[in-house]
Protein backbone atom coordinates (compact mmCIF):
# COMPACT_ATOMS: atom_id res chain seq x y z
CA MET A 1 -0.23 -0.06 0.07
CA SER A 2 1.14 3.39 -0.94
CA ASN A 3 1.79 6.48 1.50
CA ILE A 4 -0.91 8.05 -0.33
CA GLU A 5 -3.34 5.17 0.12
CA LYS A 6 -2.40 4.86 3.60
CA ILE A 7 -3.22 8.12 4.87
CA LYS A 8 -6.81 7.70 2.54
CA THR A 9 -7.11 5.05 5.13
CA ALA A 10 -6.38 7.18 8.06
CA LEU A 11 -8.67 10.08 7.01
CA GLN A 12 -11.35 7.50 6.20
CA LYS A 13 -11.04 6.22 9.82
CA ILE A 14 -11.46 9.48 11.27
CA ASP A 15 -14.69 10.09 9.76
CA GLU A 16 -15.78 6.77 11.03
CA GLY A 17 -14.44 7.71 14.53
CA LEU A 18 -16.47 11.19 13.68
CA LYS A 19 -19.53 9.05 12.78
CA ASN A 20 -19.31 7.03 16.21
CA ILE A 21 -19.59 10.11 18.76
CA ASN A 22 -23.64 10.37 19.02
CA THR A 23 -24.18 10.86 22.11
CA ASN A 24 -23.11 13.67 24.96
CA GLU A 25 -21.52 10.39 26.75
CA ASP A 26 -19.37 9.38 23.56
CA TRP A 27 -17.71 13.02 23.59
CA LEU A 28 -16.71 13.44 27.42
CA LYS A 29 -15.29 10.25 27.10
CA PHE A 30 -13.24 11.17 23.91
CA LEU A 31 -12.43 14.42 25.47
CA GLU A 32 -11.14 12.91 28.86
CA PHE A 33 -9.12 10.67 26.84
CA GLN A 34 -7.84 13.35 24.77
CA ALA A 35 -6.39 15.43 27.99
CA LYS A 36 -4.04 12.49 27.91
CA PHE A 37 -2.79 13.63 24.39
CA TYR A 38 -2.68 17.76 24.56
CA THR A 39 0.54 17.72 22.36
CA TYR A 40 -1.24 15.63 19.38
CA SER A 41 -3.50 17.50 17.03
CA TYR A 42 -7.28 16.57 17.27
CA ARG A 43 -7.09 14.13 14.17
CA ASN A 44 -4.43 11.83 15.72
CA THR A 45 -5.80 11.88 18.85
CA LEU A 46 -9.19 10.71 17.48
CA LEU A 47 -6.94 7.94 15.82
CA ILE A 48 -5.17 6.59 18.87
CA PHE A 49 -8.51 6.52 20.30
CA MET A 50 -10.22 4.22 17.56
CA GLN A 51 -7.19 2.13 17.92
CA ASN A 52 -6.69 1.83 21.71
CA HIS A 53 -9.11 3.45 24.02
CA ASN A 54 -6.46 2.36 27.08
CA ALA A 55 -3.73 4.20 25.37
CA SER A 56 -2.23 6.57 27.91
CA TYR A 57 1.60 7.61 26.79
CA VAL A 58 2.79 6.72 22.99
CA LYS A 59 5.95 7.01 20.84
CA GLY A 60 7.62 5.62 18.22
CA TYR A 61 9.72 2.33 18.03
CA SER A 62 12.97 4.30 18.20
CA ALA A 63 11.74 7.04 20.65
CA TRP A 64 11.49 4.15 23.13
CA ASN A 65 14.27 2.59 22.56
CA LYS A 66 16.28 6.10 22.98
CA LEU A 67 14.13 5.97 26.59
CA GLY A 68 15.67 2.49 27.46
CA ARG A 69 12.46 0.70 26.77
CA HIS A 70 11.73 -2.01 23.93
CA VAL A 71 8.44 -2.61 22.09
CA LYS A 72 7.03 -5.96 22.96
CA LYS A 73 7.47 -8.47 20.26
CA GLY A 74 3.79 -9.21 18.56
CA ALA A 75 2.75 -5.66 19.72
CA LYS A 76 0.10 -3.68 17.63
CA ALA A 77 0.95 -0.51 16.28
CA ILE A 78 -1.12 2.56 16.64
CA ARG A 79 -1.08 4.50 13.13
CA ILE A 80 -1.18 8.35 13.65
CA ILE A 81 -0.36 10.92 10.33
CA ALA A 82 2.90 12.81 10.91
CA PRO A 83 4.32 15.56 8.90
CA CYS A 84 7.48 15.00 6.86
CA ILE A 85 9.62 17.92 7.62
CA LYS A 86 12.73 19.14 6.40
CA LYS A 87 15.19 22.23 7.25
CA VAL A 88 15.81 24.49 4.69
CA GLU A 89 17.48 27.78 4.84
CA VAL A 90 15.45 30.95 4.30
CA PHE A 91 16.76 34.82 3.86
CA LYS A 92 15.76 36.70 6.43
CA GLU A 93 13.51 39.39 6.31
CA PRO A 94 14.89 42.83 7.36
CA ASP A 95 12.82 45.34 9.40
CA ASN A 96 13.23 47.48 6.13
CA LYS A 97 13.84 45.20 3.35
CA TYR A 98 14.88 48.22 0.86
CA GLU A 99 18.10 48.80 3.15
CA TYR A 100 19.98 46.06 1.35
CA GLN A 101 19.95 43.86 -1.79
CA ASP A 102 18.69 40.07 -0.76
CA LYS A 103 22.24 38.90 -1.56
CA GLU A 104 23.32 41.08 1.77
CA ALA A 105 20.43 39.41 4.09
CA GLU A 106 21.10 37.05 6.59
CA LYS A 107 19.80 33.95 6.60
CA GLU A 108 18.07 31.54 8.70
CA VAL A 109 17.04 28.27 8.90
CA LYS A 110 13.46 26.80 9.16
CA GLU A 111 11.34 23.74 9.14
CA LYS A 112 9.24 23.39 5.97
CA ILE A 113 6.77 20.82 6.04
CA LEU A 114 6.97 18.80 2.59
CA GLY A 115 3.94 16.59 2.95
CA PHE A 116 2.46 13.92 5.62
CA ARG A 117 2.98 10.02 5.98
CA VAL A 118 1.53 7.51 7.93
CA SER A 119 3.64 6.79 11.41
CA ASN A 120 3.69 4.06 13.81
CA VAL A 121 3.69 4.50 17.52
CA PHE A 122 3.10 1.83 20.45
CA ASP A 123 1.62 2.74 24.10
CA ILE A 124 3.73 2.22 27.11
CA MET A 125 1.90 -0.87 28.03
CA ASP A 126 3.30 -2.38 24.92
CA THR A 127 6.72 -1.74 26.02
CA VAL A 128 9.34 -3.27 28.49
CA GLY A 129 12.53 -1.65 29.96
CA ASP A 130 13.75 0.98 32.28
CA ASP A 131 11.62 3.55 33.75
CA ASP A 132 14.34 6.31 34.68
CA ASN A 133 13.98 7.96 31.72
CA LEU A 134 10.26 8.37 31.18
CA PRO A 135 8.62 12.02 32.20
CA VAL A 136 7.95 12.23 35.97
CA LEU A 137 4.42 12.52 35.14
CA VAL A 138 4.40 9.07 34.01
CA ARG A 139 6.51 7.17 36.36
CA GLY A 140 5.69 8.99 39.45
CA LEU A 141 7.42 9.92 42.63
CA LYS A 142 9.72 6.93 44.21
CA GLY A 143 10.01 6.37 47.55
CA ASN A 144 8.74 3.71 50.04
CA THR A 145 10.91 4.47 53.25
CA SER A 146 9.40 4.22 56.77
CA SER A 147 8.91 7.95 56.96
CA ASP A 148 6.74 7.48 53.69
CA THR A 149 4.58 5.16 55.22
CA GLU A 150 4.11 6.44 58.23
CA ILE A 151 2.80 9.69 56.70
CA TYR A 152 0.67 7.92 53.99
CA ASP A 153 -0.96 5.89 56.95
CA ASN A 154 -1.61 8.48 59.28
CA LEU A 155 -3.14 10.41 56.42
CA ARG A 156 -5.39 8.04 55.87
CA ASP A 157 -6.21 7.95 59.34
CA VAL A 158 -6.97 11.15 60.03
CA PHE A 159 -9.13 12.39 56.63
CA GLY A 160 -10.31 9.11 56.71
CA ARG A 161 -12.91 10.18 59.25
CA ASP A 162 -14.20 12.36 56.56
CA PHE A 163 -13.96 10.71 53.65
CA SER A 164 -14.21 7.04 52.52
CA ILE A 165 -10.58 6.51 51.01
CA ARG A 166 -9.66 3.54 49.53
CA GLU A 167 -6.85 1.59 47.33
CA VAL A 168 -7.71 0.26 43.85
CA GLU A 169 -5.87 -2.12 41.67
CA GLU A 170 -3.66 -0.66 39.07
CA THR A 171 -5.71 0.10 36.12
CA LEU A 172 -4.73 0.85 31.91
CA SER A 173 -5.40 4.44 32.68
CA LEU A 174 -2.25 6.41 33.96
CA SER A 175 -4.71 8.41 36.56
CA LYS A 176 -2.72 7.71 40.18
CA GLY A 177 -6.11 8.60 42.21
CA SER A 178 -9.74 10.14 42.07
CA TYR A 179 -12.26 12.33 43.93
CA ASN A 180 -16.15 11.10 43.64
CA LEU A 181 -18.10 14.28 43.98
CA ASP A 182 -21.26 12.29 44.24
CA SER A 183 -20.00 9.51 46.95
CA LEU A 184 -17.07 11.43 48.31
CA ALA A 185 -15.19 8.81 47.78
CA ILE A 186 -11.12 9.45 47.32
CA SER A 187 -9.17 6.31 45.66
CA VAL A 188 -5.43 5.81 45.41
CA ARG A 189 -3.79 3.20 43.36
CA SER A 190 -2.32 0.22 45.53
CA ASP A 191 0.82 0.15 43.04
CA LEU A 192 2.35 3.36 43.51
CA ASP A 193 5.46 3.78 45.62
CA CYS A 194 4.26 4.97 48.91
CA ARG A 195 5.70 8.17 48.19
CA GLN A 196 3.66 8.83 45.26
CA LYS A 197 0.42 7.63 47.69
CA VAL A 198 0.95 10.72 49.76
CA LYS A 199 1.16 12.94 46.97
CA THR A 200 -1.90 11.77 45.22
CA LEU A 201 -3.94 11.50 48.27
CA LEU A 202 -2.99 14.97 49.17
CA HIS A 203 -4.27 16.32 45.60
CA GLU A 204 -7.46 14.19 46.27
CA LEU A 205 -8.17 15.59 49.44
CA ALA A 206 -7.22 19.50 48.21
CA HIS A 207 -9.97 18.39 45.47
CA ALA A 208 -12.43 17.53 47.79
CA TYR A 209 -12.00 20.43 50.01
CA ASP A 210 -11.71 23.01 47.12
CA PHE A 211 -15.19 21.35 45.97
CA GLN A 212 -16.68 22.18 49.30
CA MET A 213 -15.37 25.84 49.35
CA ASN A 214 -16.01 26.58 45.95
CA PRO A 215 -19.00 24.48 44.59
CA ASP A 216 -19.68 27.14 41.45
CA THR A 217 -19.54 24.90 38.79
CA ASP A 218 -18.21 27.28 36.50
CA ILE A 219 -14.78 26.88 37.51
CA PRO A 220 -12.59 25.79 34.72
CA ARG A 221 -10.89 22.10 35.33
CA ASN A 222 -7.85 23.39 34.56
CA ARG A 223 -7.87 25.83 37.78
CA ARG A 224 -9.39 23.01 39.80
CA GLU A 225 -6.09 21.09 39.01
CA ILE A 226 -3.50 23.43 39.63
CA VAL A 227 -5.45 24.21 42.91
CA ALA A 228 -5.15 20.66 43.80
CA GLU A 229 -1.57 20.18 42.92
CA SER A 230 -0.54 23.30 44.30
CA VAL A 231 -1.61 21.77 47.60
CA ALA A 232 -0.40 18.91 47.56
CA PHE A 233 2.83 20.84 46.70
CA VAL A 234 2.80 22.47 49.96
CA VAL A 235 1.36 19.97 52.21
CA SER A 236 3.96 17.75 51.09
CA ASN A 237 6.73 19.96 51.71
CA HIS A 238 5.72 20.39 55.20
CA LEU A 239 5.88 16.85 56.01
CA GLY A 240 9.31 16.94 54.50
CA ILE A 241 8.47 15.47 50.93
CA ASP A 242 9.68 17.01 47.83
CA THR A 243 7.37 16.50 45.29
CA SER A 244 8.65 19.43 42.80
CA ALA A 245 9.76 17.56 39.96
CA TYR A 246 6.62 16.09 39.86
CA SER A 247 4.16 18.73 40.54
CA LEU A 248 5.74 21.44 38.88
CA SER A 249 5.68 19.70 35.31
CA TYR A 250 1.77 18.62 36.60
CA ILE A 251 1.02 22.64 37.49
CA GLN A 252 2.73 23.62 34.14
CA SER A 253 0.88 21.13 31.88
CA TRP A 254 -2.82 22.69 33.31
CA LEU A 255 -1.36 26.38 33.30
CA LYS A 256 -2.67 28.67 30.48
CA ASN A 257 -1.14 32.09 31.73
CA GLN A 258 0.41 33.44 34.75
CA GLU A 259 -2.96 35.48 35.79
CA GLU A 260 -4.41 31.99 36.86
CA ILE A 261 -1.87 32.01 39.76
CA LYS A 262 -2.94 34.98 41.29
CA ILE A 263 -6.86 33.81 41.03
CA ILE A 264 -5.93 30.94 42.53
CA ALA A 265 -3.42 31.53 45.22
CA ASP A 266 -5.76 32.52 48.21
CA THR A 267 -7.81 29.15 47.72
CA VAL A 268 -4.59 27.23 47.72
CA GLN A 269 -3.49 28.64 51.22
CA LYS A 270 -6.83 27.94 52.34
CA ILE A 271 -6.74 24.66 51.90
CA SER A 272 -3.25 23.75 52.61
CA TYR A 273 -3.89 25.54 56.10
CA LYS A 274 -6.83 23.35 56.49
CA ILE A 275 -5.37 19.89 55.78
CA ILE A 276 -2.05 21.31 57.84
CA SER A 277 -4.08 22.43 60.63
CA ARG A 278 -5.95 19.04 61.02
CA LEU A 279 -3.13 16.57 61.28
CA ALA A 280 -1.45 19.15 63.90
CA GLU A 281 -4.90 19.12 66.08
CA SER A 282 -5.19 15.26 65.75
CA SER A 283 -4.41 13.99 69.10
CA ASP A 284 -3.28 10.56 67.68
CA SER A 285 -1.17 12.27 64.83
CA ALA A 286 2.25 10.47 64.45
CA ILE A 287 3.41 13.10 62.38
CA SER A 288 5.45 15.74 64.01
CA LEU A 289 4.25 19.28 62.66
CA SER A 290 5.04 22.65 62.71
CA LYS A 291 1.95 25.16 64.39
CA GLU A 292 3.31 27.82 61.97
CA VAL A 293 1.42 27.86 58.51
């Protein structure tokens, strides 16, 4: 099959995918999936979604090898449409093009799209190997010290009086935890390292308090996420756990502009204070906390 025929087939799949999104539930399901692939075009996200609903992080064969991982034998590739890019030298347009001749103009290198091709990528679930070079948002925080375990157990004990906190088995999704608005239940993946569990539990607790304090449904999701991760960072830091490698990447992925930091700063402070104060006031708390917030 020629490249043109492959592209034509891929475009037909996109049309089929659009026809299959017939209800709000279908659309929301796709939007939830699309959030994991915000760096990909709408078309490629839909192609990935159609071929593997459970995909969470994809790369090409060579790209996985560079990260120290290898595609499993027999793994099924996900086909996307990729641009064919060539670097070319062009004359840099001067502020006043009449000041000198073109032969005197400076040159600059630009990328030019010559066309498109069908490219094969593979989901992380179809690879094996080292996790060290994966982005921190994918691999999570590492740490299973006695201190990490003590902090996590205490958090579950203290806040388990107000919320249903449970551990769930590993899923195909990269989601490390969740908060259910209807049942007020908080879930944390059981396969995570304890340090990541601490951070995830704090993130979901922040969501719970944020929705209690600010139930307005018009608040954008990205601000909710920035609030939750900022609170998790503040409280984790207070407990002696540095989550900056994870939290800063997470916040940046949701931040649309710096003005949003000013909007949510007060909420972050109030929720952080609430969680830290609750831990400090707990008579059976096993964590040593400062009384200053």
